[in-house]
Amino acid sequence: METIVLQPVGMVRNGVTATEREGWEGVSSEIVLRDDLVGVLDGLEGFSHVLVIFWMHQARPADGVRARPRGRSDVPQVGLFAIRTPHRPNPKGLTAAEVVDVSEGKLTVRALDAIEGTPILDIKPYIPGLDQRDGVRVPEWEDLL
């Protein structure tokens, strides 16, 4: 397969250093963009949420192709693509985060589950007509988490 090379568009600043944590809903993060990307945030202030794609730079590699969600023994072992573990073949994260503020070269968001220094790969506006789906289902074991 072809090798893909990505350059981060920015970096997370939030002071969070713990890689395994909960309660991201209350965390405010600044995404500080590269200096050469002046203007890329123009128009984003009209959106309440964005999709943030990031590289989980401190995630350890996956120990195989299957795991138990959150390491719990009361749920079945499943393939890595069936769970939200950061330990993946490519440790890429995706979060729908609330827009708090948009300023030149900086986007402040809430509920981005990324730690201090996380490289940001892309930011896209959350558009319900494109991003929200009806009739979504999840397996029974997901309700245990």
N, C-alpha and C. Protein backbone atom coordinates (compact mmCIF):
# COMPACT_ATOMS: atom_id res chain seq x y z
N MET A 1 0.83 -1.19 0.00
CA MET A 1 0.00 0.00 0.00
C MET A 1 0.88 1.25 0.00
N GLU A 2 0.30 2.32 -0.46
CA GLU A 2 0.99 3.60 -0.54
C GLU A 2 1.20 4.21 0.85
N THR A 3 2.35 4.82 1.07
CA THR A 3 2.62 5.53 2.31
C THR A 3 1.98 6.91 2.22
N ILE A 4 1.36 7.33 3.31
CA ILE A 4 0.71 8.62 3.37
C ILE A 4 1.50 9.51 4.33
N VAL A 5 1.78 10.71 3.91
CA VAL A 5 2.49 11.66 4.76
C VAL A 5 1.54 12.83 5.03
N LEU A 6 1.35 13.14 6.31
CA LEU A 6 0.47 14.23 6.70
C LEU A 6 1.26 15.28 7.47
N GLN A 7 0.87 16.52 7.33
CA GLN A 7 1.48 17.60 8.11
C GLN A 7 0.39 18.18 9.00
N PRO A 8 0.61 18.24 10.31
CA PRO A 8 -0.40 18.81 11.19
C PRO A 8 -0.73 20.25 10.81
N VAL A 9 -2.00 20.62 11.00
CA VAL A 9 -2.41 22.01 10.75
C VAL A 9 -2.30 22.84 12.03
N GLY A 10 -2.18 22.17 13.16
CA GLY A 10 -2.07 22.87 14.43
C GLY A 10 -1.84 21.92 15.56
N MET A 11 -1.97 22.44 16.78
CA MET A 11 -1.68 21.66 17.97
C MET A 11 -2.65 22.04 19.09
N VAL A 12 -2.96 21.07 19.95
CA VAL A 12 -3.87 21.28 21.08
C VAL A 12 -3.11 21.89 22.26
N ARG A 13 -3.76 22.87 22.88
CA ARG A 13 -3.27 23.47 24.13
C ARG A 13 -4.42 23.43 25.13
N ASN A 14 -4.28 22.59 26.18
CA ASN A 14 -5.32 22.51 27.21
C ASN A 14 -4.78 22.12 28.58
N GLY A 15 -3.49 21.82 28.68
CA GLY A 15 -2.90 21.46 29.97
C GLY A 15 -3.19 20.05 30.44
N VAL A 16 -3.98 19.28 29.69
CA VAL A 16 -4.31 17.91 30.08
C VAL A 16 -3.17 16.99 29.66
N THR A 17 -2.62 16.24 30.63
CA THR A 17 -1.52 15.33 30.32
C THR A 17 -1.89 13.87 30.52
N ALA A 18 -2.98 13.59 31.21
CA ALA A 18 -3.41 12.21 31.46
C ALA A 18 -4.04 11.64 30.20
N THR A 19 -3.45 10.56 29.67
CA THR A 19 -3.97 9.99 28.43
C THR A 19 -5.23 9.16 28.63
N GLU A 20 -5.43 8.61 29.80
CA GLU A 20 -6.62 7.81 30.09
C GLU A 20 -7.46 8.58 31.09
N ARG A 21 -8.53 9.21 30.63
CA ARG A 21 -9.37 10.00 31.51
C ARG A 21 -10.78 10.07 30.97
N GLU A 22 -11.69 10.51 31.81
CA GLU A 22 -13.07 10.76 31.40
C GLU A 22 -13.40 12.20 31.75
N GLY A 23 -14.57 12.67 31.42
CA GLY A 23 -14.98 14.02 31.75
C GLY A 23 -14.52 15.07 30.76
N TRP A 24 -14.33 14.67 29.51
CA TRP A 24 -13.87 15.61 28.49
C TRP A 24 -14.90 16.70 28.21
N GLU A 25 -16.16 16.48 28.58
CA GLU A 25 -17.21 17.46 28.30
C GLU A 25 -16.87 18.82 28.91
N GLY A 26 -16.16 18.84 30.03
CA GLY A 26 -15.83 20.08 30.70
C GLY A 26 -14.48 20.68 30.32
N VAL A 27 -13.76 20.04 29.42
CA VAL A 27 -12.42 20.51 29.05
C VAL A 27 -12.49 21.49 27.89
N SER A 28 -11.90 22.66 28.08
CA SER A 28 -11.78 23.65 27.02
C SER A 28 -10.38 23.54 26.43
N SER A 29 -10.29 23.49 25.12
CA SER A 29 -9.00 23.34 24.43
C SER A 29 -8.84 24.41 23.38
N GLU A 30 -7.64 24.90 23.26
CA GLU A 30 -7.30 25.80 22.16
C GLU A 30 -6.59 24.99 21.10
N ILE A 31 -7.01 25.15 19.87
CA ILE A 31 -6.29 24.57 18.74
C ILE A 31 -5.53 25.73 18.11
N VAL A 32 -4.22 25.70 18.27
CA VAL A 32 -3.37 26.77 17.75
C VAL A 32 -2.87 26.32 16.38
N LEU A 33 -3.20 27.10 15.35
CA LEU A 33 -2.87 26.73 13.98
C LEU A 33 -1.49 27.21 13.56
N ARG A 34 -0.97 26.56 12.53
CA ARG A 34 0.31 26.99 11.95
C ARG A 34 0.17 28.41 11.41
N ASP A 35 1.25 29.15 11.46
CA ASP A 35 1.26 30.55 11.00
C ASP A 35 0.90 30.70 9.52
N ASP A 36 1.22 29.71 8.70
CA ASP A 36 0.96 29.83 7.27
C ASP A 36 -0.50 29.55 6.89
N LEU A 37 -1.35 29.29 7.87
CA LEU A 37 -2.75 28.96 7.59
C LEU A 37 -3.70 30.11 7.96
N VAL A 38 -3.22 31.32 7.90
CA VAL A 38 -4.05 32.49 8.19
C VAL A 38 -5.28 32.45 7.29
N GLY A 39 -6.45 32.62 7.89
CA GLY A 39 -7.69 32.68 7.13
C GLY A 39 -8.48 31.38 7.05
N VAL A 40 -7.89 30.25 7.45
CA VAL A 40 -8.61 28.98 7.30
C VAL A 40 -9.82 28.86 8.22
N LEU A 41 -9.87 29.66 9.27
CA LEU A 41 -11.00 29.60 10.20
C LEU A 41 -12.13 30.57 9.83
N ASP A 42 -11.91 31.41 8.84
CA ASP A 42 -12.93 32.39 8.44
C ASP A 42 -14.25 31.69 8.10
N GLY A 43 -15.34 32.14 8.71
CA GLY A 43 -16.66 31.58 8.48
C GLY A 43 -17.04 30.49 9.47
N LEU A 44 -16.08 30.00 10.22
CA LEU A 44 -16.36 28.90 11.16
C LEU A 44 -17.15 29.37 12.38
N GLU A 45 -17.12 30.67 12.66
CA GLU A 45 -17.82 31.20 13.84
C GLU A 45 -19.33 31.00 13.75
N GLY A 46 -19.87 30.75 12.59
CA GLY A 46 -21.30 30.51 12.43
C GLY A 46 -21.74 29.10 12.79
N PHE A 47 -20.78 28.21 13.05
CA PHE A 47 -21.08 26.82 13.39
C PHE A 47 -20.98 26.60 14.89
N SER A 48 -21.86 25.78 15.43
CA SER A 48 -21.81 25.47 16.87
C SER A 48 -20.83 24.35 17.17
N HIS A 49 -20.55 23.48 16.20
CA HIS A 49 -19.68 22.33 16.42
C HIS A 49 -18.77 22.09 15.21
N VAL A 50 -17.66 21.46 15.48
CA VAL A 50 -16.73 21.06 14.43
C VAL A 50 -16.34 19.61 14.64
N LEU A 51 -15.90 18.98 13.58
CA LEU A 51 -15.28 17.66 13.65
C LEU A 51 -13.77 17.90 13.63
N VAL A 52 -13.09 17.40 14.65
CA VAL A 52 -11.65 17.58 14.76
C VAL A 52 -10.99 16.23 14.55
N ILE A 53 -10.08 16.17 13.59
CA ILE A 53 -9.33 14.94 13.30
C ILE A 53 -7.91 15.17 13.81
N PHE A 54 -7.43 14.26 14.63
CA PHE A 54 -6.14 14.46 15.28
C PHE A 54 -5.34 13.16 15.35
N TRP A 55 -4.04 13.31 15.61
CA TRP A 55 -3.13 12.17 15.73
C TRP A 55 -2.84 11.93 17.20
N MET A 56 -3.21 10.75 17.71
CA MET A 56 -3.00 10.42 19.12
C MET A 56 -1.54 10.03 19.33
N HIS A 57 -0.71 11.05 19.43
CA HIS A 57 0.74 10.90 19.41
C HIS A 57 1.33 10.12 20.58
N GLN A 58 0.59 9.97 21.66
CA GLN A 58 1.12 9.22 22.80
C GLN A 58 0.46 7.85 22.97
N ALA A 59 -0.37 7.47 22.03
CA ALA A 59 -1.03 6.16 22.12
C ALA A 59 -0.02 5.06 21.80
N ARG A 60 -0.04 4.02 22.62
CA ARG A 60 0.85 2.90 22.33
C ARG A 60 0.25 2.09 21.19
N PRO A 61 1.08 1.41 20.43
CA PRO A 61 0.56 0.60 19.30
C PRO A 61 -0.39 -0.50 19.78
N ALA A 62 -1.27 -0.91 18.92
CA ALA A 62 -2.19 -2.00 19.24
C ALA A 62 -1.40 -3.28 19.47
N ASP A 63 -1.90 -4.10 20.43
CA ASP A 63 -1.27 -5.39 20.74
C ASP A 63 -1.88 -6.52 19.93
N GLY A 64 -2.44 -6.23 18.82
CA GLY A 64 -3.11 -7.22 17.99
C GLY A 64 -4.25 -6.56 17.26
N VAL A 65 -5.16 -7.36 16.76
CA VAL A 65 -6.27 -6.82 15.98
C VAL A 65 -7.60 -6.88 16.73
N ARG A 66 -7.59 -7.50 17.93
CA ARG A 66 -8.81 -7.62 18.73
C ARG A 66 -8.53 -7.15 20.16
N ALA A 67 -9.59 -6.68 20.83
CA ALA A 67 -9.46 -6.23 22.22
C ALA A 67 -10.84 -6.22 22.87
N ARG A 68 -10.85 -6.10 24.17
CA ARG A 68 -12.10 -5.93 24.91
C ARG A 68 -12.32 -4.43 25.11
N PRO A 69 -13.52 -3.93 24.80
CA PRO A 69 -13.79 -2.51 25.00
C PRO A 69 -13.47 -2.08 26.43
N ARG A 70 -12.64 -1.02 26.55
CA ARG A 70 -12.18 -0.48 27.83
C ARG A 70 -11.53 -1.53 28.71
N GLY A 71 -11.07 -2.63 28.11
CA GLY A 71 -10.40 -3.70 28.85
C GLY A 71 -11.31 -4.49 29.77
N ARG A 72 -12.61 -4.35 29.60
CA ARG A 72 -13.56 -4.99 30.52
C ARG A 72 -13.80 -6.44 30.14
N SER A 73 -13.78 -7.30 31.16
CA SER A 73 -13.96 -8.74 30.93
C SER A 73 -15.42 -9.11 30.73
N ASP A 74 -16.36 -8.20 31.04
CA ASP A 74 -17.78 -8.52 30.91
C ASP A 74 -18.35 -8.18 29.53
N VAL A 75 -17.49 -7.79 28.61
CA VAL A 75 -17.93 -7.54 27.24
C VAL A 75 -17.06 -8.37 26.30
N PRO A 76 -17.59 -8.72 25.15
CA PRO A 76 -16.84 -9.60 24.25
C PRO A 76 -15.62 -8.93 23.63
N GLN A 77 -14.65 -9.74 23.29
CA GLN A 77 -13.50 -9.27 22.55
C GLN A 77 -13.94 -9.04 21.10
N VAL A 78 -13.57 -7.89 20.56
CA VAL A 78 -13.99 -7.54 19.20
C VAL A 78 -12.81 -6.97 18.44
N GLY A 79 -12.96 -6.78 17.15
CA GLY A 79 -11.92 -6.17 16.34
C GLY A 79 -11.71 -4.71 16.72
N LEU A 80 -10.49 -4.21 16.54
CA LEU A 80 -10.16 -2.84 16.93
C LEU A 80 -11.06 -1.79 16.27
N PHE A 81 -11.52 -2.07 15.07
CA PHE A 81 -12.37 -1.09 14.39
C PHE A 81 -13.79 -1.06 14.94
N ALA A 82 -14.13 -1.96 15.87
CA ALA A 82 -15.45 -1.98 16.49
C ALA A 82 -15.46 -1.22 17.82
N ILE A 83 -14.31 -0.69 18.24
CA ILE A 83 -14.23 0.05 19.51
C ILE A 83 -13.48 1.36 19.31
N ARG A 84 -13.57 2.24 20.30
CA ARG A 84 -12.97 3.56 20.22
C ARG A 84 -11.61 3.64 20.93
N THR A 85 -10.88 2.55 20.99
CA THR A 85 -9.57 2.56 21.63
C THR A 85 -8.59 3.45 20.87
N PRO A 86 -7.69 4.13 21.59
CA PRO A 86 -6.65 4.89 20.89
C PRO A 86 -5.54 3.99 20.35
N HIS A 87 -5.52 2.73 20.78
CA HIS A 87 -4.48 1.79 20.39
C HIS A 87 -4.92 1.08 19.11
N ARG A 88 -4.54 1.68 17.97
CA ARG A 88 -5.02 1.27 16.66
C ARG A 88 -3.86 1.18 15.69
N PRO A 89 -4.08 0.60 14.52
CA PRO A 89 -3.01 0.58 13.51
C PRO A 89 -2.53 1.99 13.15
N ASN A 90 -3.44 2.93 13.03
CA ASN A 90 -3.12 4.35 12.83
C ASN A 90 -3.86 5.11 13.93
N PRO A 91 -3.15 5.64 14.93
CA PRO A 91 -3.83 6.25 16.08
C PRO A 91 -4.41 7.63 15.76
N LYS A 92 -5.44 7.62 14.93
CA LYS A 92 -6.12 8.84 14.51
C LYS A 92 -7.40 8.97 15.31
N GLY A 93 -7.67 10.18 15.80
CA GLY A 93 -8.87 10.43 16.57
C GLY A 93 -9.83 11.34 15.81
N LEU A 94 -11.11 11.23 16.14
CA LEU A 94 -12.15 12.06 15.55
C LEU A 94 -13.13 12.41 16.65
N THR A 95 -13.36 13.70 16.84
CA THR A 95 -14.29 14.16 17.87
C THR A 95 -15.16 15.28 17.34
N ALA A 96 -16.44 15.22 17.67
CA ALA A 96 -17.33 16.35 17.43
C ALA A 96 -17.22 17.24 18.67
N ALA A 97 -16.68 18.44 18.50
CA ALA A 97 -16.45 19.34 19.62
C ALA A 97 -17.26 20.62 19.45
N GLU A 98 -17.63 21.22 20.57
CA GLU A 98 -18.39 22.47 20.55
C GLU A 98 -17.45 23.65 20.33
N VAL A 99 -17.84 24.54 19.42
CA VAL A 99 -17.06 25.75 19.16
C VAL A 99 -17.35 26.76 20.27
N VAL A 100 -16.30 27.23 20.94
CA VAL A 100 -16.42 28.23 21.99
C VAL A 100 -16.02 29.60 21.46
N ASP A 101 -14.94 29.66 20.69
CA ASP A 101 -14.46 30.93 20.17
C ASP A 101 -13.62 30.69 18.93
N VAL A 102 -13.70 31.62 18.00
CA VAL A 102 -12.89 31.59 16.80
C VAL A 102 -12.14 32.91 16.73
N SER A 103 -10.82 32.84 16.68
CA SER A 103 -10.02 34.04 16.52
C SER A 103 -8.91 33.75 15.51
N GLU A 104 -8.18 34.77 15.10
CA GLU A 104 -7.14 34.58 14.09
C GLU A 104 -6.09 33.59 14.58
N GLY A 105 -5.99 32.47 13.88
CA GLY A 105 -4.97 31.47 14.20
C GLY A 105 -5.28 30.56 15.36
N LYS A 106 -6.48 30.69 15.94
CA LYS A 106 -6.80 29.88 17.11
C LYS A 106 -8.29 29.56 17.16
N LEU A 107 -8.60 28.31 17.45
CA LEU A 107 -9.97 27.85 17.62
C LEU A 107 -10.08 27.27 19.02
N THR A 108 -11.04 27.78 19.80
CA THR A 108 -11.27 27.25 21.14
C THR A 108 -12.52 26.38 21.08
N VAL A 109 -12.39 25.15 21.59
CA VAL A 109 -13.48 24.17 21.56
C VAL A 109 -13.66 23.54 22.94
N ARG A 110 -14.81 22.92 23.14
CA ARG A 110 -15.10 22.19 24.37
C ARG A 110 -15.39 20.73 24.01
N ALA A 111 -14.91 19.83 24.86
CA ALA A 111 -15.17 18.39 24.76
C ALA A 111 -14.32 17.69 23.69
N LEU A 112 -13.15 18.26 23.39
CA LEU A 112 -12.20 17.59 22.50
C LEU A 112 -11.36 16.65 23.35
N ASP A 113 -11.44 15.36 23.10
CA ASP A 113 -10.73 14.38 23.92
C ASP A 113 -9.30 14.14 23.40
N ALA A 114 -8.53 15.22 23.44
CA ALA A 114 -7.13 15.18 23.01
C ALA A 114 -6.29 15.91 24.04
N ILE A 115 -5.11 15.37 24.32
CA ILE A 115 -4.26 15.93 25.37
C ILE A 115 -3.37 17.06 24.84
N GLU A 116 -2.72 17.73 25.75
CA GLU A 116 -1.78 18.81 25.44
C GLU A 116 -0.76 18.35 24.40
N GLY A 117 -0.58 19.16 23.37
CA GLY A 117 0.42 18.86 22.35
C GLY A 117 -0.03 17.94 21.24
N THR A 118 -1.29 17.50 21.27
CA THR A 118 -1.79 16.61 20.23
C THR A 118 -1.79 17.31 18.88
N PRO A 119 -1.20 16.70 17.85
CA PRO A 119 -1.23 17.29 16.50
C PRO A 119 -2.63 17.20 15.89
N ILE A 120 -3.10 18.32 15.35
CA ILE A 120 -4.39 18.38 14.68
C ILE A 120 -4.16 18.18 13.18
N LEU A 121 -4.89 17.25 12.59
CA LEU A 121 -4.74 16.95 11.16
C LEU A 121 -5.73 17.72 10.30
N ASP A 122 -6.94 17.95 10.81
CA ASP A 122 -7.95 18.65 10.02
C ASP A 122 -9.10 19.07 10.94
N ILE A 123 -9.83 20.07 10.49
CA ILE A 123 -11.02 20.57 11.19
C ILE A 123 -12.09 20.76 10.12
N LYS A 124 -13.27 20.23 10.40
CA LYS A 124 -14.39 20.38 9.45
C LYS A 124 -15.62 20.83 10.21
N PRO A 125 -16.45 21.65 9.60
CA PRO A 125 -17.69 22.05 10.29
C PRO A 125 -18.62 20.85 10.44
N TYR A 126 -19.28 20.77 11.59
CA TYR A 126 -20.29 19.73 11.80
C TYR A 126 -21.58 20.21 11.16
N ILE A 127 -22.09 19.45 10.20
CA ILE A 127 -23.30 19.80 9.47
C ILE A 127 -24.29 18.65 9.66
N PRO A 128 -25.36 18.87 10.46
CA PRO A 128 -26.28 17.78 10.77
C PRO A 128 -26.79 17.01 9.55
N GLY A 129 -27.10 17.71 8.47
CA GLY A 129 -27.62 17.03 7.28
C GLY A 129 -26.62 16.06 6.67
N LEU A 130 -25.35 16.29 6.90
CA LEU A 130 -24.30 15.40 6.38
C LEU A 130 -23.77 14.43 7.43
N ASP A 131 -23.69 14.88 8.68
CA ASP A 131 -22.99 14.11 9.71
C ASP A 131 -23.89 13.30 10.64
N GLN A 132 -25.14 13.67 10.76
CA GLN A 132 -26.06 12.96 11.63
C GLN A 132 -26.79 11.88 10.84
N ARG A 133 -26.97 10.74 11.43
CA ARG A 133 -27.64 9.62 10.75
C ARG A 133 -28.83 9.14 11.56
N ASP A 134 -29.91 8.79 10.87
CA ASP A 134 -31.08 8.19 11.49
C ASP A 134 -30.92 6.67 11.50
N GLY A 135 -31.64 6.02 12.40
CA GLY A 135 -31.66 4.57 12.42
C GLY A 135 -30.35 3.92 12.87
N VAL A 136 -29.57 4.63 13.66
CA VAL A 136 -28.29 4.09 14.12
C VAL A 136 -28.52 2.99 15.13
N ARG A 137 -27.73 1.92 15.04
CA ARG A 137 -27.82 0.84 16.02
C ARG A 137 -26.42 0.53 16.53
N VAL A 138 -26.35 0.01 17.75
CA VAL A 138 -25.09 -0.43 18.36
C VAL A 138 -25.33 -1.80 18.98
N PRO A 139 -24.28 -2.60 19.16
CA PRO A 139 -24.45 -3.92 19.79
C PRO A 139 -24.84 -3.77 21.26
N GLU A 140 -25.46 -4.80 21.82
CA GLU A 140 -25.93 -4.78 23.21
C GLU A 140 -24.80 -4.47 24.20
N TRP A 141 -23.58 -4.99 23.94
CA TRP A 141 -22.50 -4.77 24.89
C TRP A 141 -22.10 -3.30 25.00
N GLU A 142 -22.40 -2.48 24.01
CA GLU A 142 -22.07 -1.05 24.08
C GLU A 142 -22.84 -0.37 25.20
N ASP A 143 -24.06 -0.85 25.51
CA ASP A 143 -24.85 -0.28 26.60
C ASP A 143 -24.20 -0.52 27.96
N LEU A 144 -23.33 -1.51 28.09
CA LEU A 144 -22.65 -1.78 29.35
C LEU A 144 -21.55 -0.78 29.64
N LEU A 145 -21.07 -0.11 28.62
CA LEU A 145 -19.96 0.82 28.79
C LEU A 145 -20.49 2.14 29.24
